[in-house]
Amino acid sequence: VQLQASGGGLVQAGGPLRLSCAFPGRSFSDYCMAWFRQAPGKEREFVAAISWSGGSTYYADRVRGRFTISRDNDKNTVYLQMNSLNPEDTAVYYCAAGSPLSPLNTVMTASGAHSWGQGTEVTVSS
């Protein structure tokens, strides 16, 4: 079963958007989770990560203070609340899971992610 991302869309600059990613059929709390994004013509980049319990989070400098990653282990879902969006945030956003019980830092690189969602597109208009 793959991760299932949703919530993307078109939003005006300065506006908010909330992404969701479900990871059904797993012991969800065994997985550190992350969001990445890939803009047209650019490499996939790390956005945010969260530990098994949600007690630890980490953000890329570009989004720190504007984006918030959270999780609901009862719903097997991780979220990315994005505020103060700007056109540079336009990208396809991917959720990712680390290997079971692997530490948070391993899911902060694309090579360390174990499972990927299909991506959800975010477009920020100026």
N, C-alpha and C. Protein backbone atom coordinates (compact mmCIF):
# COMPACT_ATOMS: atom_id res chain seq x y z
N VAL A 1 0.85 -1.18 0.00
CA VAL A 1 0.00 0.00 0.00
C VAL A 1 0.89 1.23 0.00
N GLN A 2 0.60 2.16 -0.88
CA GLN A 2 1.41 3.36 -1.01
C GLN A 2 0.83 4.52 -0.20
N LEU A 3 1.67 5.52 0.00
CA LEU A 3 1.20 6.73 0.62
C LEU A 3 0.27 7.46 -0.34
N GLN A 4 -0.72 8.15 0.22
CA GLN A 4 -1.74 8.81 -0.59
C GLN A 4 -1.80 10.28 -0.20
N ALA A 5 -1.20 11.12 -1.02
CA ALA A 5 -1.16 12.56 -0.74
C ALA A 5 -2.34 13.26 -1.38
N SER A 6 -2.80 14.32 -0.73
CA SER A 6 -3.91 15.11 -1.26
C SER A 6 -3.84 16.53 -0.70
N GLY A 7 -4.66 17.40 -1.26
CA GLY A 7 -4.77 18.75 -0.74
C GLY A 7 -4.14 19.82 -1.57
N GLY A 8 -3.46 19.45 -2.63
CA GLY A 8 -2.84 20.46 -3.48
C GLY A 8 -3.87 21.25 -4.26
N GLY A 9 -3.42 22.32 -4.89
CA GLY A 9 -4.32 23.15 -5.68
C GLY A 9 -3.69 24.48 -6.01
N LEU A 10 -4.53 25.38 -6.47
CA LEU A 10 -4.11 26.73 -6.84
C LEU A 10 -4.46 27.69 -5.70
N VAL A 11 -3.50 28.49 -5.29
CA VAL A 11 -3.73 29.43 -4.20
C VAL A 11 -3.01 30.74 -4.52
N GLN A 12 -3.55 31.83 -4.04
CA GLN A 12 -2.92 33.13 -4.25
C GLN A 12 -1.77 33.33 -3.28
N ALA A 13 -0.81 34.09 -3.70
CA ALA A 13 0.32 34.40 -2.83
C ALA A 13 -0.17 34.98 -1.51
N GLY A 14 0.45 34.51 -0.44
CA GLY A 14 0.04 34.94 0.89
C GLY A 14 -0.98 34.04 1.54
N GLY A 15 -1.58 33.17 0.77
CA GLY A 15 -2.63 32.32 1.28
C GLY A 15 -2.11 31.04 1.88
N PRO A 16 -3.01 30.28 2.54
CA PRO A 16 -2.65 29.01 3.14
C PRO A 16 -3.13 27.82 2.31
N LEU A 17 -2.55 26.68 2.62
CA LEU A 17 -2.97 25.42 2.02
C LEU A 17 -2.53 24.31 2.96
N ARG A 18 -3.33 23.28 3.05
CA ARG A 18 -3.00 22.16 3.93
C ARG A 18 -2.96 20.88 3.13
N LEU A 19 -1.84 20.20 3.18
CA LEU A 19 -1.67 18.93 2.51
C LEU A 19 -1.84 17.80 3.53
N SER A 20 -2.36 16.68 3.03
CA SER A 20 -2.51 15.49 3.86
C SER A 20 -1.88 14.30 3.16
N CYS A 21 -1.45 13.35 3.94
CA CYS A 21 -0.87 12.13 3.37
C CYS A 21 -1.23 10.96 4.27
N ALA A 22 -1.99 10.04 3.72
CA ALA A 22 -2.40 8.85 4.46
C ALA A 22 -1.46 7.69 4.16
N PHE A 23 -1.20 6.90 5.16
CA PHE A 23 -0.32 5.73 5.03
C PHE A 23 -1.05 4.55 5.66
N PRO A 24 -2.03 4.03 4.94
CA PRO A 24 -2.88 2.98 5.52
C PRO A 24 -2.17 1.64 5.61
N GLY A 25 -2.70 0.78 6.47
CA GLY A 25 -2.22 -0.59 6.54
C GLY A 25 -0.85 -0.74 7.14
N ARG A 26 -0.44 0.22 7.97
CA ARG A 26 0.90 0.16 8.57
C ARG A 26 0.80 0.47 10.06
N SER A 27 1.83 0.08 10.79
CA SER A 27 1.99 0.57 12.16
C SER A 27 2.59 1.97 12.02
N PHE A 28 1.71 2.91 11.78
CA PHE A 28 2.12 4.25 11.35
C PHE A 28 3.12 4.88 12.31
N SER A 29 2.95 4.62 13.59
CA SER A 29 3.83 5.24 14.58
C SER A 29 5.25 4.69 14.54
N ASP A 30 5.52 3.67 13.72
CA ASP A 30 6.88 3.15 13.56
C ASP A 30 7.68 3.94 12.54
N TYR A 31 7.03 4.89 11.85
CA TYR A 31 7.66 5.56 10.73
C TYR A 31 7.84 7.06 10.98
N CYS A 32 9.07 7.53 10.80
CA CYS A 32 9.26 8.97 10.65
C CYS A 32 8.77 9.34 9.25
N MET A 33 8.18 10.52 9.16
CA MET A 33 7.57 10.95 7.91
C MET A 33 8.16 12.28 7.46
N ALA A 34 8.06 12.52 6.17
CA ALA A 34 8.63 13.76 5.63
C ALA A 34 7.84 14.24 4.43
N TRP A 35 8.02 15.51 4.11
CA TRP A 35 7.53 16.09 2.88
C TRP A 35 8.72 16.59 2.07
N PHE A 36 8.65 16.36 0.78
CA PHE A 36 9.61 16.89 -0.17
C PHE A 36 8.82 17.64 -1.25
N ARG A 37 9.53 18.40 -2.06
CA ARG A 37 8.87 19.04 -3.19
C ARG A 37 9.82 19.12 -4.38
N GLN A 38 9.23 19.21 -5.55
CA GLN A 38 10.03 19.31 -6.76
C GLN A 38 9.39 20.32 -7.69
N ALA A 39 10.09 21.41 -7.92
CA ALA A 39 9.62 22.43 -8.84
C ALA A 39 10.05 22.06 -10.27
N PRO A 40 9.38 22.59 -11.26
CA PRO A 40 9.74 22.28 -12.65
C PRO A 40 11.20 22.59 -12.94
N GLY A 41 11.90 21.62 -13.49
CA GLY A 41 13.28 21.81 -13.87
C GLY A 41 14.27 21.79 -12.72
N LYS A 42 13.79 21.46 -11.53
CA LYS A 42 14.68 21.45 -10.36
C LYS A 42 14.67 20.07 -9.71
N GLU A 43 15.67 19.86 -8.86
CA GLU A 43 15.74 18.60 -8.14
C GLU A 43 14.74 18.58 -6.98
N ARG A 44 14.41 17.38 -6.57
CA ARG A 44 13.54 17.22 -5.41
C ARG A 44 14.27 17.71 -4.17
N GLU A 45 13.58 18.49 -3.35
CA GLU A 45 14.20 19.03 -2.16
C GLU A 45 13.39 18.73 -0.91
N PHE A 46 14.10 18.62 0.19
CA PHE A 46 13.48 18.36 1.48
C PHE A 46 12.71 19.59 1.95
N VAL A 47 11.55 19.35 2.57
CA VAL A 47 10.73 20.43 3.10
C VAL A 47 10.62 20.33 4.62
N ALA A 48 10.16 19.18 5.12
CA ALA A 48 9.93 19.04 6.56
C ALA A 48 9.88 17.57 6.92
N ALA A 49 10.19 17.27 8.19
CA ALA A 49 10.14 15.89 8.67
C ALA A 49 9.62 15.88 10.10
N ILE A 50 9.07 14.73 10.48
CA ILE A 50 8.51 14.59 11.82
C ILE A 50 8.82 13.20 12.35
N SER A 51 9.09 13.13 13.64
CA SER A 51 9.46 11.86 14.27
C SER A 51 8.25 10.97 14.49
N TRP A 52 8.50 9.76 14.99
CA TRP A 52 7.44 8.76 15.16
C TRP A 52 6.27 9.30 15.97
N SER A 53 6.57 9.94 17.08
CA SER A 53 5.51 10.41 17.98
C SER A 53 5.03 11.81 17.64
N GLY A 54 5.79 12.49 16.79
CA GLY A 54 5.49 13.89 16.50
C GLY A 54 6.19 14.86 17.42
N GLY A 55 6.99 14.35 18.32
CA GLY A 55 7.65 15.21 19.29
C GLY A 55 8.81 16.00 18.73
N SER A 56 9.34 15.55 17.60
CA SER A 56 10.46 16.26 16.98
C SER A 56 10.11 16.56 15.54
N THR A 57 10.43 17.77 15.13
CA THR A 57 10.22 18.19 13.75
C THR A 57 11.44 18.92 13.24
N TYR A 58 11.57 18.96 11.93
CA TYR A 58 12.70 19.67 11.32
C TYR A 58 12.23 20.25 10.00
N TYR A 59 12.74 21.45 9.69
CA TYR A 59 12.30 22.16 8.50
C TYR A 59 13.47 22.66 7.67
N ALA A 60 13.25 22.72 6.38
CA ALA A 60 14.20 23.41 5.52
C ALA A 60 14.14 24.90 5.82
N ASP A 61 15.26 25.57 5.64
CA ASP A 61 15.33 26.99 5.96
C ASP A 61 14.29 27.80 5.19
N ARG A 62 14.02 27.39 3.97
CA ARG A 62 13.12 28.17 3.12
C ARG A 62 11.68 28.19 3.62
N VAL A 63 11.31 27.20 4.45
CA VAL A 63 9.92 27.11 4.87
C VAL A 63 9.75 27.29 6.38
N ARG A 64 10.84 27.28 7.11
CA ARG A 64 10.75 27.38 8.57
C ARG A 64 10.03 28.67 8.95
N GLY A 65 9.07 28.53 9.84
CA GLY A 65 8.28 29.67 10.29
C GLY A 65 7.00 29.87 9.48
N ARG A 66 6.91 29.23 8.31
CA ARG A 66 5.71 29.35 7.47
C ARG A 66 4.96 28.02 7.37
N PHE A 67 5.69 26.93 7.38
CA PHE A 67 5.09 25.61 7.23
C PHE A 67 5.14 24.88 8.57
N THR A 68 4.14 24.01 8.80
CA THR A 68 4.10 23.19 9.99
C THR A 68 3.75 21.76 9.62
N ILE A 69 4.59 20.83 10.02
CA ILE A 69 4.31 19.42 9.81
C ILE A 69 3.74 18.84 11.09
N SER A 70 2.76 17.98 10.95
CA SER A 70 2.14 17.34 12.11
C SER A 70 1.65 15.97 11.69
N ARG A 71 1.24 15.18 12.67
CA ARG A 71 0.75 13.84 12.35
C ARG A 71 -0.32 13.43 13.34
N ASP A 72 -1.18 12.54 12.86
CA ASP A 72 -2.21 11.94 13.70
C ASP A 72 -2.03 10.43 13.57
N ASN A 73 -1.43 9.82 14.56
CA ASN A 73 -1.13 8.40 14.47
C ASN A 73 -2.38 7.54 14.52
N ASP A 74 -3.45 8.06 15.07
CA ASP A 74 -4.71 7.30 15.07
C ASP A 74 -5.32 7.25 13.68
N LYS A 75 -5.03 8.24 12.86
CA LYS A 75 -5.57 8.30 11.50
C LYS A 75 -4.55 7.90 10.44
N ASN A 76 -3.35 7.51 10.87
CA ASN A 76 -2.29 7.13 9.92
C ASN A 76 -2.05 8.23 8.88
N THR A 77 -2.02 9.46 9.35
CA THR A 77 -1.95 10.59 8.42
C THR A 77 -0.93 11.62 8.90
N VAL A 78 -0.19 12.16 7.96
CA VAL A 78 0.72 13.28 8.22
C VAL A 78 0.22 14.48 7.44
N TYR A 79 0.40 15.66 8.00
CA TYR A 79 -0.10 16.89 7.41
C TYR A 79 1.03 17.89 7.18
N LEU A 80 0.81 18.78 6.24
CA LEU A 80 1.71 19.91 6.04
C LEU A 80 0.85 21.16 5.90
N GLN A 81 0.83 21.96 6.93
CA GLN A 81 0.13 23.23 6.89
C GLN A 81 1.08 24.28 6.34
N MET A 82 0.69 24.90 5.25
CA MET A 82 1.54 25.87 4.57
C MET A 82 0.87 27.24 4.63
N ASN A 83 1.53 28.19 5.22
CA ASN A 83 1.03 29.56 5.33
C ASN A 83 1.96 30.52 4.60
N SER A 84 1.46 31.69 4.33
CA SER A 84 2.25 32.74 3.67
C SER A 84 2.94 32.20 2.42
N LEU A 85 2.18 31.51 1.61
CA LEU A 85 2.75 30.91 0.41
C LEU A 85 3.20 31.99 -0.58
N ASN A 86 4.25 31.70 -1.29
CA ASN A 86 4.72 32.59 -2.34
C ASN A 86 4.97 31.77 -3.61
N PRO A 87 5.11 32.43 -4.75
CA PRO A 87 5.25 31.69 -6.01
C PRO A 87 6.42 30.71 -6.02
N GLU A 88 7.45 30.96 -5.21
CA GLU A 88 8.60 30.05 -5.15
C GLU A 88 8.24 28.72 -4.48
N ASP A 89 7.09 28.65 -3.86
CA ASP A 89 6.63 27.40 -3.26
C ASP A 89 5.91 26.51 -4.26
N THR A 90 5.71 26.99 -5.47
CA THR A 90 5.05 26.20 -6.51
C THR A 90 5.88 24.96 -6.82
N ALA A 91 5.26 23.79 -6.70
CA ALA A 91 5.97 22.53 -6.91
C ALA A 91 4.98 21.38 -6.77
N VAL A 92 5.45 20.20 -7.11
CA VAL A 92 4.74 18.98 -6.75
C VAL A 92 5.28 18.55 -5.39
N TYR A 93 4.40 18.35 -4.45
CA TYR A 93 4.77 17.98 -3.09
C TYR A 93 4.57 16.48 -2.89
N TYR A 94 5.58 15.86 -2.33
CA TYR A 94 5.57 14.42 -2.10
C TYR A 94 5.71 14.14 -0.62
N CYS A 95 4.92 13.18 -0.13
CA CYS A 95 5.17 12.70 1.22
C CYS A 95 6.01 11.43 1.13
N ALA A 96 6.75 11.18 2.19
CA ALA A 96 7.66 10.05 2.22
C ALA A 96 7.72 9.46 3.62
N ALA A 97 7.98 8.19 3.68
CA ALA A 97 8.16 7.50 4.95
C ALA A 97 9.55 6.90 5.00
N GLY A 98 10.14 6.94 6.18
CA GLY A 98 11.42 6.27 6.37
C GLY A 98 11.22 4.79 6.52
N SER A 99 12.31 4.06 6.67
CA SER A 99 12.21 2.64 7.00
C SER A 99 11.67 2.50 8.42
N PRO A 100 11.01 1.41 8.72
CA PRO A 100 10.44 1.25 10.06
C PRO A 100 11.48 1.42 11.16
N LEU A 101 11.16 2.26 12.11
CA LEU A 101 11.98 2.51 13.30
C LEU A 101 13.33 3.16 12.99
N SER A 102 13.48 3.68 11.79
CA SER A 102 14.71 4.41 11.47
C SER A 102 14.62 5.82 12.05
N PRO A 103 15.74 6.43 12.40
CA PRO A 103 15.70 7.75 13.03
C PRO A 103 15.29 8.86 12.08
N LEU A 104 14.96 9.99 12.65
CA LEU A 104 14.42 11.11 11.90
C LEU A 104 15.35 11.59 10.80
N ASN A 105 16.65 11.62 11.07
CA ASN A 105 17.57 12.18 10.08
C ASN A 105 17.62 11.35 8.79
N THR A 106 17.25 10.08 8.85
CA THR A 106 17.33 9.26 7.64
C THR A 106 16.24 9.60 6.64
N VAL A 107 15.16 10.20 7.06
CA VAL A 107 14.07 10.53 6.14
C VAL A 107 14.17 11.97 5.66
N MET A 108 15.24 12.63 6.02
CA MET A 108 15.42 14.02 5.60
C MET A 108 16.19 14.14 4.29
N THR A 109 16.54 13.01 3.70
CA THR A 109 17.11 12.99 2.36
C THR A 109 16.28 12.06 1.49
N ALA A 110 16.20 12.38 0.22
CA ALA A 110 15.39 11.56 -0.69
C ALA A 110 15.90 10.12 -0.73
N SER A 111 17.20 9.95 -0.64
CA SER A 111 17.77 8.60 -0.70
C SER A 111 17.43 7.79 0.53
N GLY A 112 17.11 8.46 1.64
CA GLY A 112 16.79 7.75 2.86
C GLY A 112 15.33 7.39 3.01
N ALA A 113 14.49 7.94 2.16
CA ALA A 113 13.06 7.63 2.22
C ALA A 113 12.81 6.22 1.70
N HIS A 114 11.89 5.54 2.37
CA HIS A 114 11.61 4.14 2.03
C HIS A 114 10.40 4.00 1.12
N SER A 115 9.40 4.87 1.33
CA SER A 115 8.17 4.81 0.54
C SER A 115 7.76 6.23 0.16
N TRP A 116 7.13 6.35 -1.00
CA TRP A 116 6.74 7.66 -1.52
C TRP A 116 5.27 7.69 -1.90
N GLY A 117 4.68 8.85 -1.75
CA GLY A 117 3.35 9.08 -2.28
C GLY A 117 3.44 9.50 -3.74
N GLN A 118 2.29 9.70 -4.35
CA GLN A 118 2.23 9.99 -5.78
C GLN A 118 2.44 11.46 -6.09
N GLY A 119 2.44 12.31 -5.09
CA GLY A 119 2.64 13.74 -5.32
C GLY A 119 1.32 14.48 -5.48
N THR A 120 1.30 15.70 -4.97
CA THR A 120 0.14 16.57 -5.14
C THR A 120 0.67 17.95 -5.53
N GLU A 121 0.07 18.53 -6.54
CA GLU A 121 0.60 19.75 -7.14
C GLU A 121 0.09 20.99 -6.42
N VAL A 122 1.01 21.88 -6.12
CA VAL A 122 0.69 23.16 -5.49
C VAL A 122 1.15 24.27 -6.43
N THR A 123 0.25 25.16 -6.77
CA THR A 123 0.56 26.30 -7.60
C THR A 123 0.19 27.58 -6.87
N VAL A 124 1.16 28.46 -6.70
CA VAL A 124 0.94 29.73 -6.02
C VAL A 124 1.02 30.85 -7.04
N SER A 125 -0.07 31.56 -7.18
CA SER A 125 -0.12 32.66 -8.16
C SER A 125 0.25 33.98 -7.49
N SER A 126 0.90 34.83 -8.26
CA SER A 126 1.34 36.11 -7.70
C SER A 126 0.28 37.18 -7.86
